[in-house]
Amino acid sequence: MRLRHQYLIAGVAWAFLLGPAAFLLLFGFAAGASWLWLFGDNPWPTATQWALPLIGAIGAAMTALACVLIAYEYGKARETGAGASSRTERRKVLILAVFPLAIILLVGLNSWRDSQKYAKDMEMVAQREAAFAALAGARYRITDITIDRSEQDRFHATVRMNGEREGNYHLHWQVADTGFGATLASGDETIALRTVNAQAEINFTVDQLTQSYQTKVLKGRADVLVQEPFELDAWLVPILSEDERAALPPGEQRRLGKLDSPLQSKREIRFPVRFIIRKAGTGR
């Protein structure tokens, strides 16, 4: 094979490498320039859908053609010199032809590895989303709250829950007045739920509400009649095992224990309250 044809093959190899590179470079430059100086965040004309790729394609074709022509002319010129039959010259041609092909192969292998990693990551994300959906569907939820006031001025609330995911749960509750939103009583407890229809009891007294109301709302004032609806809020959150926590998506792991977590179940109930705050700080 004549030396010019060997250099031509090397030029074709470089065309396969530099042509796509020129396309990406020019397409990116044209798109960036269009965004910076022409259209910005406004709607782009439909012509840009073919004009921008055309700019990249023209640049790629010119680059590839230049690689071929330069390599051919260089090989043609070398034929007239003493290097036409030189082993060193042919070795140089081989290196020039193999080098771009090796780069293309490495880029292709890296892209394949990235695609495999992406597919594996997407599969893991799908598995975590499925595990989260299953957990969210099976967790216990607060279905109802009822509250009664006894003759001993005690409030007794029953929190009813239903679900399939057995285990320990964190139950938090608080009582607040509806006028000022002050928290007058609160509690936290860990409960074990094993039955389909479960329930937990919450107890607090009128004296608790009276003292808190006088301190937080009235700032120590007395001889006041309080007659308004109060609100009892209850939150139920599953206490996850290490395996359950690890199976959740990272975003849901960060939201655990927060008010916007989908695993949290909340329900509230309003109930009438009437008491008198006297100078001694007790109510009736």
Protein backbone atom coordinates (compact mmCIF):
# COMPACT_ATOMS: atom_id res chain seq x y z
CA MET A 1 0.00 0.00 0.00
CA ARG A 2 1.33 3.40 -0.93
CA LEU A 3 2.31 5.74 1.88
CA ARG A 4 -0.25 8.36 0.88
CA HIS A 5 -3.03 5.80 1.34
CA GLN A 6 -1.68 4.79 4.73
CA TYR A 7 -1.73 8.42 5.81
CA LEU A 8 -5.24 8.68 4.35
CA ILE A 9 -6.37 5.89 6.69
CA ALA A 10 -4.76 7.73 9.59
CA GLY A 11 -6.61 10.90 8.50
CA VAL A 12 -9.92 9.02 8.47
CA ALA A 13 -9.22 7.81 12.01
CA TRP A 14 -8.59 11.38 13.14
CA ALA A 15 -11.75 12.47 11.32
CA PHE A 16 -13.77 10.01 13.40
CA LEU A 17 -12.28 11.55 16.54
CA LEU A 18 -12.22 15.27 15.75
CA GLY A 19 -15.42 15.43 13.70
CA PRO A 20 -17.80 14.58 16.58
CA ALA A 21 -15.69 16.74 18.91
CA ALA A 22 -16.12 19.71 16.56
CA PHE A 23 -19.87 19.06 16.37
CA LEU A 24 -20.25 19.13 20.14
CA LEU A 25 -18.01 22.19 20.49
CA LEU A 26 -19.79 24.27 17.85
CA PHE A 27 -23.27 23.14 18.86
CA GLY A 28 -22.56 24.02 22.49
CA PHE A 29 -21.05 27.37 21.54
CA ALA A 30 -24.00 28.24 19.28
CA ALA A 31 -26.53 27.23 21.93
CA GLY A 32 -24.70 29.17 24.63
CA ALA A 33 -24.36 32.26 22.47
CA SER A 34 -28.05 32.09 21.55
CA TRP A 35 -29.03 31.93 25.20
CA LEU A 36 -26.65 34.72 26.29
CA TRP A 37 -27.13 37.26 23.52
CA LEU A 38 -30.27 36.38 21.52
CA PHE A 39 -33.12 34.60 23.28
CA GLY A 40 -32.26 34.08 26.94
CA ASP A 41 -35.11 32.52 28.94
CA ASN A 42 -37.71 33.62 26.38
CA PRO A 43 -39.29 31.04 24.02
CA TRP A 44 -36.80 30.08 21.32
CA PRO A 45 -37.84 30.06 17.63
CA THR A 46 -38.58 26.66 16.16
CA ALA A 47 -35.83 27.23 13.60
CA THR A 48 -33.22 26.75 16.31
CA GLN A 49 -34.19 23.09 16.49
CA TRP A 50 -32.51 22.49 13.13
CA ALA A 51 -30.24 25.55 12.82
CA LEU A 52 -28.10 24.78 15.87
CA PRO A 53 -27.48 21.11 14.95
CA LEU A 54 -26.77 22.23 11.36
CA ILE A 55 -24.01 24.56 12.59
CA GLY A 56 -22.46 21.67 14.49
CA ALA A 57 -22.81 19.32 11.50
CA ILE A 58 -21.14 21.77 9.11
CA GLY A 59 -18.26 22.25 11.52
CA ALA A 60 -17.91 18.48 11.96
CA ALA A 61 -17.90 17.88 8.17
CA MET A 62 -15.29 20.58 7.57
CA THR A 63 -13.09 19.26 10.36
CA ALA A 64 -13.32 15.67 9.10
CA LEU A 65 -12.58 16.76 5.53
CA ALA A 66 -9.59 18.77 6.70
CA CYS A 67 -8.20 15.74 8.57
CA VAL A 68 -8.48 13.56 5.48
CA LEU A 69 -7.03 16.09 3.04
CA ILE A 70 -4.14 17.12 5.27
CA ALA A 71 -3.21 13.50 5.97
CA TYR A 72 -3.41 12.57 2.28
CA GLU A 73 -1.34 15.52 1.11
CA TYR A 74 1.21 14.93 3.84
CA GLY A 75 1.54 11.27 2.87
CA LYS A 76 1.81 12.22 -0.79
CA ALA A 77 4.63 14.62 0.02
CA ARG A 78 6.45 12.00 2.10
CA GLU A 79 6.38 9.57 -0.82
CA THR A 80 8.70 11.80 -2.79
CA GLY A 81 11.31 11.86 -0.05
CA ALA A 82 13.57 9.26 1.34
CA GLY A 83 11.02 8.28 3.94
CA ALA A 84 8.74 6.57 1.43
CA SER A 85 10.11 3.14 2.23
CA SER A 86 11.40 3.88 5.70
CA ARG A 87 10.21 1.61 8.49
CA THR A 88 10.28 4.58 10.83
CA GLU A 89 7.84 6.42 8.55
CA ARG A 90 5.45 3.50 8.44
CA ARG A 91 5.69 3.09 12.20
CA LYS A 92 4.74 6.76 12.54
CA VAL A 93 1.74 6.22 10.29
CA LEU A 94 0.63 3.28 12.43
CA ILE A 95 0.86 5.35 15.62
CA LEU A 96 -1.05 8.22 14.01
CA ALA A 97 -3.83 5.81 12.98
CA VAL A 98 -4.04 3.85 16.24
CA PHE A 99 -3.94 6.82 18.62
CA PRO A 100 -7.35 8.35 17.72
CA LEU A 101 -8.94 4.91 17.54
CA ALA A 102 -7.63 4.15 21.03
CA ILE A 103 -9.12 7.42 22.32
CA ILE A 104 -12.46 6.59 20.69
CA LEU A 105 -12.35 3.13 22.26
CA LEU A 106 -11.57 4.55 25.72
CA VAL A 107 -14.36 7.13 25.44
CA GLY A 108 -16.76 4.43 24.32
CA LEU A 109 -15.79 2.15 27.20
CA ASN A 110 -16.16 5.00 29.68
CA SER A 111 -19.60 5.86 28.27
CA TRP A 112 -20.64 2.22 28.49
CA ARG A 113 -19.44 2.05 32.09
CA ASP A 114 -21.33 5.23 32.94
CA SER A 115 -24.48 3.89 31.30
CA GLN A 116 -24.19 0.65 33.29
CA LYS A 117 -23.70 2.62 36.50
CA TYR A 118 -26.66 4.85 35.66
CA ALA A 119 -28.87 1.83 34.97
CA LYS A 120 -27.79 0.28 38.29
CA ASP A 121 -28.46 3.53 40.15
CA MET A 122 -31.89 3.85 38.55
CA GLU A 123 -32.70 0.28 39.54
CA MET A 124 -31.68 1.04 43.13
CA VAL A 125 -33.79 4.22 43.09
CA ALA A 126 -36.77 2.22 41.83
CA GLN A 127 -36.27 -0.37 44.56
CA ARG A 128 -36.08 2.32 47.24
CA GLU A 129 -39.15 4.09 45.92
CA ALA A 130 -41.04 0.78 45.92
CA ALA A 131 -39.91 0.05 49.50
CA PHE A 132 -40.99 3.53 50.58
CA ALA A 133 -44.39 3.17 48.89
CA ALA A 134 -44.92 -0.20 50.58
CA LEU A 135 -43.95 1.20 53.97
CA ALA A 136 -46.14 4.27 53.54
CA GLY A 137 -49.08 2.07 52.58
CA ALA A 138 -48.66 -0.40 55.44
CA ARG A 139 -47.87 1.99 58.30
CA TYR A 140 -50.40 2.62 61.03
CA ARG A 141 -52.51 5.76 60.69
CA ILE A 142 -54.60 7.66 63.18
CA THR A 143 -58.17 7.04 62.11
CA ASP A 144 -60.11 8.79 64.86
CA ILE A 145 -59.79 10.69 68.15
CA THR A 146 -62.51 10.98 70.76
CA ILE A 147 -62.27 12.98 73.98
CA ASP A 148 -64.35 13.02 77.16
CA ARG A 149 -64.26 15.09 80.34
CA SER A 150 -64.81 13.28 83.60
CA GLU A 151 -66.45 14.59 86.75
CA GLN A 152 -62.99 14.87 88.34
CA ASP A 153 -62.04 17.56 85.78
CA ARG A 154 -59.88 15.18 83.80
CA PHE A 155 -59.83 14.86 80.03
CA HIS A 156 -59.54 11.39 78.58
CA ALA A 157 -58.73 11.09 74.85
CA THR A 158 -58.75 7.84 72.87
CA VAL A 159 -56.57 7.70 69.75
CA ARG A 160 -57.61 4.92 67.35
CA MET A 161 -55.15 3.61 64.78
CA ASN A 162 -55.21 1.11 61.95
CA GLY A 163 -52.47 -0.41 59.78
CA GLU A 164 -50.48 -3.49 58.82
CA ARG A 165 -46.87 -2.64 59.65
CA GLU A 166 -46.38 -3.96 63.17
CA GLY A 167 -43.75 -2.51 65.45
CA ASN A 168 -42.94 0.47 67.62
CA TYR A 169 -44.32 3.92 66.93
CA HIS A 170 -43.71 7.34 68.39
CA LEU A 171 -46.90 9.12 69.52
CA HIS A 172 -46.64 12.83 70.20
CA TRP A 173 -49.56 15.00 71.27
CA GLN A 174 -50.22 18.55 72.35
CA VAL A 175 -53.16 20.67 73.47
CA ALA A 176 -53.36 24.31 72.38
CA ASP A 177 -55.92 27.06 72.71
CA THR A 178 -57.41 28.20 69.43
CA GLY A 179 -57.29 31.89 70.25
CA PHE A 180 -53.55 32.38 70.81
CA GLY A 181 -52.09 29.03 69.69
CA ALA A 182 -50.20 28.48 72.93
CA THR A 183 -49.24 24.90 73.77
CA LEU A 184 -50.82 24.16 77.14
CA ALA A 185 -50.07 20.45 77.51
CA SER A 186 -48.02 17.93 75.58
CA GLY A 187 -46.64 14.44 75.76
CA ASP A 188 -44.48 11.86 74.00
CA GLU A 189 -44.56 8.10 74.30
CA THR A 190 -43.45 5.00 72.47
CA ILE A 191 -46.20 2.49 71.76
CA ALA A 192 -46.06 -1.01 70.31
CA LEU A 193 -48.75 -1.71 67.71
CA ARG A 194 -49.53 -5.34 66.98
CA THR A 195 -53.27 -5.50 66.27
CA VAL A 196 -55.14 -4.29 63.20
CA ASN A 197 -57.31 -1.88 65.17
CA ALA A 198 -55.23 -0.40 67.98
CA GLN A 199 -55.76 2.49 70.34
CA ALA A 200 -53.82 4.62 72.80
CA GLU A 201 -54.97 6.76 75.71
CA ILE A 202 -54.08 10.39 76.40
CA ASN A 203 -54.91 12.00 79.74
CA PHE A 204 -54.55 15.55 81.01
CA THR A 205 -56.32 17.63 83.63
CA VAL A 206 -58.13 20.95 83.79
CA ASP A 207 -55.56 22.12 86.33
CA GLN A 208 -52.79 21.57 83.78
CA LEU A 209 -54.62 23.65 81.19
CA THR A 210 -55.48 26.36 83.73
CA GLN A 211 -51.94 26.83 85.01
CA SER A 212 -50.45 26.82 81.51
CA TYR A 213 -53.07 29.23 80.21
CA GLN A 214 -52.47 31.65 83.07
CA THR A 215 -48.69 31.51 82.57
CA LYS A 216 -48.42 31.50 78.78
CA VAL A 217 -51.49 33.49 77.70
CA LEU A 218 -52.51 35.70 80.61
CA LYS A 219 -48.94 36.27 81.84
CA GLY A 220 -50.00 35.73 85.46
CA ARG A 221 -53.28 37.64 85.44
CA ALA A 222 -56.27 36.14 87.30
CA ASP A 223 -60.04 36.41 87.72
CA VAL A 224 -60.62 35.48 84.07
CA LEU A 225 -63.29 33.24 82.58
CA VAL A 226 -61.95 31.04 79.80
CA GLN A 227 -64.58 29.56 77.54
CA GLU A 228 -63.42 28.54 74.09
CA PRO A 229 -62.60 25.44 72.05
CA PHE A 230 -59.16 23.92 72.55
CA GLU A 231 -57.45 21.66 70.04
CA LEU A 232 -55.75 18.32 70.63
CA ASP A 233 -53.22 17.38 67.92
CA ALA A 234 -51.71 13.91 67.73
CA TRP A 235 -48.86 12.66 65.51
CA LEU A 236 -47.96 9.03 64.91
CA VAL A 237 -44.55 8.18 63.39
CA PRO A 238 -43.08 4.68 62.89
CA ILE A 239 -39.77 3.92 64.58
CA LEU A 240 -37.84 2.35 61.73
CA SER A 241 -35.28 -0.39 61.95
CA GLU A 242 -31.85 0.07 60.41
CA ASP A 243 -32.84 -2.04 57.40
CA GLU A 244 -36.05 -0.05 56.86
CA ARG A 245 -34.21 3.24 57.14
CA ALA A 246 -31.46 2.13 54.73
CA ALA A 247 -34.05 1.06 52.15
CA LEU A 248 -35.63 4.51 51.99
CA PRO A 249 -34.73 7.12 49.35
CA PRO A 250 -32.17 9.64 50.68
CA GLY A 251 -34.71 12.47 50.56
CA GLU A 252 -37.18 10.54 52.69
CA GLN A 253 -34.43 9.64 55.16
CA ARG A 254 -33.79 13.35 55.72
CA ARG A 255 -37.52 14.04 56.19
CA LEU A 256 -37.98 11.44 58.91
CA GLY A 257 -39.26 13.04 62.08
CA LYS A 258 -40.25 16.25 60.30
CA LEU A 259 -43.79 17.53 59.92
CA ASP A 260 -43.79 17.05 56.14
CA SER A 261 -42.75 13.38 56.23
CA PRO A 262 -45.29 11.19 54.38
CA LEU A 263 -44.72 8.48 57.00
CA GLN A 264 -46.24 10.70 59.66
CA SER A 265 -49.94 10.48 60.46
CA LYS A 266 -51.62 13.46 62.09
CA ARG A 267 -55.14 14.12 63.30
CA GLU A 268 -56.69 16.80 65.47
CA ILE A 269 -59.91 17.31 67.37
CA ARG A 270 -61.46 20.38 68.98
CA PHE A 271 -63.29 20.18 72.29
CA PRO A 272 -65.02 22.81 74.45
CA VAL A 273 -63.26 24.06 77.58
CA ARG A 274 -64.61 26.28 80.34
CA PHE A 275 -62.79 27.26 83.52
CA ILE A 276 -62.21 30.28 85.74
CA ILE A 277 -58.72 31.39 86.63
CA ARG A 278 -58.72 32.76 90.17
CA LYS A 279 -56.05 34.59 92.04
CA ALA A 280 -54.68 31.40 93.51
CA GLY A 281 -54.17 30.05 89.99
CA THR A 282 -56.74 27.29 90.16
CA GLY A 283 -59.74 26.88 87.90
CA ARG A 284 -63.15 25.31 88.00
